[in-house]
């Protein structure tokens, strides 16, 4: 559901921004079911009439908040991907992707949890899942460009596993480490996990594993 009207002046945009920020705070503090437009207007410091000038319902507010949240997550990913040159080896590629994912899911993780777990699947909430599809496309491009270094012929299967496994680990880790104290270790462990999945093959009945290339584990 789209906003009722769009701000044309800086003052109006500031009001809309305050309302969206207040929506995020109220959702985190009270949850979706207890959140109301009256409560959000109060938290934003605006009248309910001012809120309704821009957002006709709670659903419209949440849709706008989702849009803002996903844009912030994509900005976090883009900053890392754009500052790194195209990786020439799988280790660099895996490390870059892990850093980008950690940065993305560190963008207001409490809000992300509420949006994914409590908000009904309405309207633009699908944007949350489109974000992960965008990440899947990024991973697919990386793997295809470096497929001579990996053991998997089925790139789509590898992408499916990575995009479902790695973000889940990151979200769980962030919930238990809100300050990011263990992010360097998490980054190293996840990079190693990805490389072992993509580049190691059984060496025989002994159960030991060997790398496909010396370069990958150097």
Protein backbone atom coordinates (compact mmCIF):
# COMPACT_ATOMS: atom_id res chain seq x y z
CA UNK A 1 0.00 0.00 0.00
CA UNK A 2 1.49 3.32 -1.11
CA UNK A 3 1.64 6.50 0.99
CA UNK A 4 -1.33 8.85 0.55
CA UNK A 5 0.87 11.71 -0.71
CA UNK A 6 4.55 12.35 -1.20
CA UNK A 7 6.41 15.24 0.44
CA UNK A 8 7.52 18.03 -1.88
CA UNK A 9 9.37 20.29 0.57
CA UNK A 10 12.25 19.65 2.96
CA UNK A 11 10.06 20.28 5.99
CA UNK A 12 7.47 17.77 4.79
CA UNK A 13 10.21 15.22 4.06
CA UNK A 14 11.55 15.68 7.59
CA UNK A 15 8.07 14.92 8.93
CA UNK A 16 7.82 11.76 6.83
CA UNK A 17 11.29 10.65 7.94
CA UNK A 18 10.34 11.22 11.59
CA UNK A 19 7.17 9.15 11.15
CA UNK A 20 9.04 6.26 9.52
CA UNK A 21 11.73 6.32 12.23
CA UNK A 22 9.02 6.34 14.89
CA UNK A 23 7.36 3.37 13.19
CA UNK A 24 10.60 1.42 13.50
CA UNK A 25 10.94 2.27 17.20
CA UNK A 26 7.34 1.35 17.99
CA UNK A 27 7.54 -1.94 16.12
CA UNK A 28 10.71 -2.93 17.98
CA UNK A 29 9.37 -1.83 21.38
CA UNK A 30 5.73 -2.94 21.11
CA UNK A 31 5.57 -5.46 18.27
CA UNK A 32 3.38 -5.28 15.20
CA UNK A 33 0.04 -6.21 16.79
CA UNK A 34 0.28 -3.60 19.56
CA UNK A 35 1.58 -0.85 17.28
CA UNK A 36 -1.02 1.69 16.22
CA UNK A 37 -1.06 4.84 14.14
CA UNK A 38 -1.88 6.86 17.29
CA UNK A 39 1.12 5.40 19.10
CA UNK A 40 3.37 6.05 16.10
CA UNK A 41 2.18 9.64 15.72
CA UNK A 42 2.87 10.25 19.39
CA UNK A 43 6.36 8.75 19.11
CA UNK A 44 7.06 10.90 16.05
CA UNK A 45 5.84 14.07 17.76
CA UNK A 46 3.19 14.79 15.12
CA UNK A 47 -0.58 14.88 15.14
CA UNK A 48 -2.54 11.90 13.90
CA UNK A 49 -3.90 14.17 11.18
CA UNK A 50 -0.38 14.92 9.96
CA UNK A 51 0.40 11.21 9.87
CA UNK A 52 -2.70 10.46 7.82
CA UNK A 53 -1.73 13.13 5.30
CA UNK A 54 1.07 10.82 4.21
CA UNK A 55 0.11 7.31 5.37
CA UNK A 56 -3.51 6.07 5.26
CA UNK A 57 -2.92 3.06 7.51
CA UNK A 58 -0.47 1.10 9.64
CA UNK A 59 0.11 -1.19 6.66
CA UNK A 60 1.20 1.78 4.53
CA UNK A 61 3.59 2.84 7.28
CA UNK A 62 5.13 -0.61 7.47
CA UNK A 63 5.45 -0.80 3.68
CA UNK A 64 7.37 2.49 3.67
CA UNK A 65 9.54 1.28 6.55
CA UNK A 66 10.35 -1.96 4.72
CA UNK A 67 11.38 0.03 1.67
CA UNK A 68 13.70 2.22 3.75
CA UNK A 69 15.15 -0.75 5.64
CA UNK A 70 15.90 -2.77 2.51
CA UNK A 71 17.48 0.26 0.84
CA UNK A 72 19.80 0.68 3.83
CA UNK A 73 20.77 -3.00 3.70
CA UNK A 74 21.48 -2.78 -0.02
CA UNK A 75 23.58 0.36 0.54
CA UNK A 76 25.67 -1.57 3.09
CA UNK A 77 26.23 -4.39 0.59
CA UNK A 78 26.97 -2.04 -2.31
CA UNK A 79 29.55 -0.05 -0.35
CA UNK A 80 31.61 -3.21 0.22
CA UNK A 81 31.15 -4.72 -3.24
CA UNK A 82 31.93 -1.42 -4.96
CA UNK A 83 35.09 -0.72 -2.97
CA UNK A 84 36.54 -4.18 -3.66
CA UNK A 85 37.88 -5.00 -7.09
CA UNK A 86 36.37 -8.02 -8.80
CA UNK A 87 37.89 -10.96 -6.89
CA UNK A 88 40.24 -13.11 -8.92
CA UNK A 89 40.17 -16.06 -6.53
CA UNK A 90 37.52 -17.80 -4.52
CA UNK A 91 38.93 -16.92 -1.11
CA UNK A 92 38.73 -13.19 -1.83
CA UNK A 93 35.25 -13.59 -3.28
CA UNK A 94 33.98 -15.55 -0.27
CA UNK A 95 35.50 -13.08 2.19
CA UNK A 96 33.97 -10.11 0.36
CA UNK A 97 30.52 -11.69 0.31
CA UNK A 98 30.68 -12.57 4.01
CA UNK A 99 31.71 -9.01 4.92
CA UNK A 100 28.88 -7.64 2.79
CA UNK A 101 26.32 -9.94 4.43
CA UNK A 102 27.49 -9.13 7.95
CA UNK A 103 27.27 -5.40 7.17
CA UNK A 104 23.77 -5.82 5.71
CA UNK A 105 22.33 -7.77 8.62
CA UNK A 106 23.89 -5.38 11.12
CA UNK A 107 21.57 -2.67 9.79
CA UNK A 108 19.01 -2.53 12.63
CA UNK A 109 18.85 -6.30 13.31
CA UNK A 110 16.05 -5.95 15.88
CA UNK A 111 13.86 -4.25 13.32
CA UNK A 112 14.73 -6.87 10.72
CA UNK A 113 13.66 -9.61 13.12
CA UNK A 114 10.31 -7.93 13.78
CA UNK A 115 9.66 -7.36 10.09
CA UNK A 116 10.41 -11.00 9.23
CA UNK A 117 8.75 -12.67 12.21
CA UNK A 118 5.81 -10.52 13.32
CA UNK A 119 4.58 -8.49 10.38
CA UNK A 120 1.90 -10.15 8.22
CA UNK A 121 3.01 -10.91 4.68
CA UNK A 122 1.38 -7.84 3.19
CA UNK A 123 2.25 -5.64 0.25
CA UNK A 124 5.85 -4.54 0.06
CA UNK A 125 7.04 -6.89 2.79
CA UNK A 126 8.11 -9.05 -0.13
CA UNK A 127 10.95 -6.56 -0.56
CA UNK A 128 12.69 -8.25 2.38
CA UNK A 129 12.81 -11.47 0.42
CA UNK A 130 13.71 -9.70 -2.81
CA UNK A 131 16.80 -8.47 -0.97
CA UNK A 132 17.94 -12.05 -0.43
CA UNK A 133 17.18 -12.82 -4.08
CA UNK A 134 19.44 -9.94 -5.06
CA UNK A 135 22.17 -11.40 -2.87
CA UNK A 136 21.61 -14.77 -4.53
CA UNK A 137 22.18 -13.14 -7.92
CA UNK A 138 25.43 -11.60 -6.66
CA UNK A 139 26.65 -14.97 -5.36
CA UNK A 140 25.69 -16.66 -8.64
CA UNK A 141 27.75 -14.17 -10.66
CA UNK A 142 30.76 -14.69 -8.42
CA UNK A 143 30.56 -18.47 -8.61
CA UNK A 144 30.07 -18.51 -12.36
CA UNK A 145 33.12 -16.30 -12.88
CA UNK A 146 35.21 -18.61 -10.67
CA UNK A 147 33.61 -21.95 -11.48
CA UNK A 148 36.97 -23.45 -12.51
CA UNK A 149 37.95 -23.21 -8.82
CA UNK A 150 34.93 -25.01 -7.36
CA UNK A 151 33.80 -28.61 -7.40
CA UNK A 152 30.09 -27.97 -7.95
CA UNK A 153 28.71 -28.24 -11.46
CA UNK A 154 25.24 -27.21 -10.29
CA UNK A 155 25.75 -23.52 -9.50
CA UNK A 156 22.08 -22.97 -8.66
CA UNK A 157 22.22 -25.66 -5.98
CA UNK A 158 25.33 -24.10 -4.45
CA UNK A 159 23.68 -20.66 -4.46
CA UNK A 160 20.56 -22.06 -2.80
CA UNK A 161 22.55 -23.62 0.02
CA UNK A 162 24.74 -20.57 0.61
CA UNK A 163 21.94 -17.98 0.56
CA UNK A 164 19.92 -20.03 3.04
CA UNK A 165 22.75 -21.14 5.33
CA UNK A 166 25.08 -18.16 5.61
CA UNK A 167 22.53 -15.39 6.40
CA UNK A 168 20.89 -17.69 8.98
CA UNK A 169 24.21 -18.09 10.80
CA UNK A 170 24.89 -14.36 10.62
CA UNK A 171 21.44 -13.42 11.98
CA UNK A 172 21.81 -15.90 14.86
CA UNK A 173 25.30 -14.63 15.66
CA UNK A 174 24.17 -10.99 15.65
CA UNK A 175 21.31 -11.76 18.04
CA UNK A 176 23.85 -13.10 20.54
CA UNK A 177 26.49 -10.44 19.92
CA UNK A 178 24.84 -7.06 19.50
CA UNK A 179 28.14 -5.14 19.72
CA UNK A 180 29.83 -7.08 16.93
CA UNK A 181 32.70 -8.20 19.16
CA UNK A 182 33.01 -11.54 17.40
CA UNK A 183 32.47 -10.30 13.84
CA UNK A 184 36.12 -10.87 12.76
CA UNK A 185 36.01 -14.48 13.98
CA UNK A 186 32.57 -14.97 12.43
CA UNK A 187 33.85 -13.61 9.13
CA UNK A 188 36.85 -15.95 9.17
CA UNK A 189 34.82 -19.03 10.13
CA UNK A 190 32.12 -18.41 7.52
CA UNK A 191 34.68 -17.80 4.80
CA UNK A 192 36.36 -21.08 5.73
CA UNK A 193 32.99 -22.88 5.76
CA UNK A 194 32.16 -21.60 2.27
CA UNK A 195 35.53 -22.64 0.89
CA UNK A 196 35.26 -26.11 2.41
CA UNK A 197 31.82 -26.55 0.91
CA UNK A 198 32.80 -25.29 -2.53
CA UNK A 199 36.35 -26.56 -2.89
CA UNK A 200 36.90 -29.77 -0.93
CA UNK A 201 36.24 -33.25 -2.26
CA UNK A 202 36.47 -36.64 -0.50
CA UNK A 203 39.92 -38.20 -0.98
CA UNK A 204 38.71 -41.74 -0.39
CA UNK A 205 37.20 -44.02 2.17
CA UNK A 206 39.40 -42.53 4.88
CA UNK A 207 37.01 -39.60 5.08
CA UNK A 208 39.79 -37.04 4.70
CA UNK A 209 39.28 -34.08 2.39
CA UNK A 210 41.57 -32.42 -0.10
CA UNK A 211 41.37 -29.02 -1.78
CA UNK A 212 40.78 -28.73 -5.50
CA UNK A 213 43.53 -26.12 -5.83
CA UNK A 214 46.49 -25.04 -3.76
CA UNK A 215 45.56 -21.41 -4.43
CA UNK A 216 42.23 -21.66 -2.67
CA UNK A 217 43.67 -22.60 0.73
CA UNK A 218 46.92 -20.65 0.48
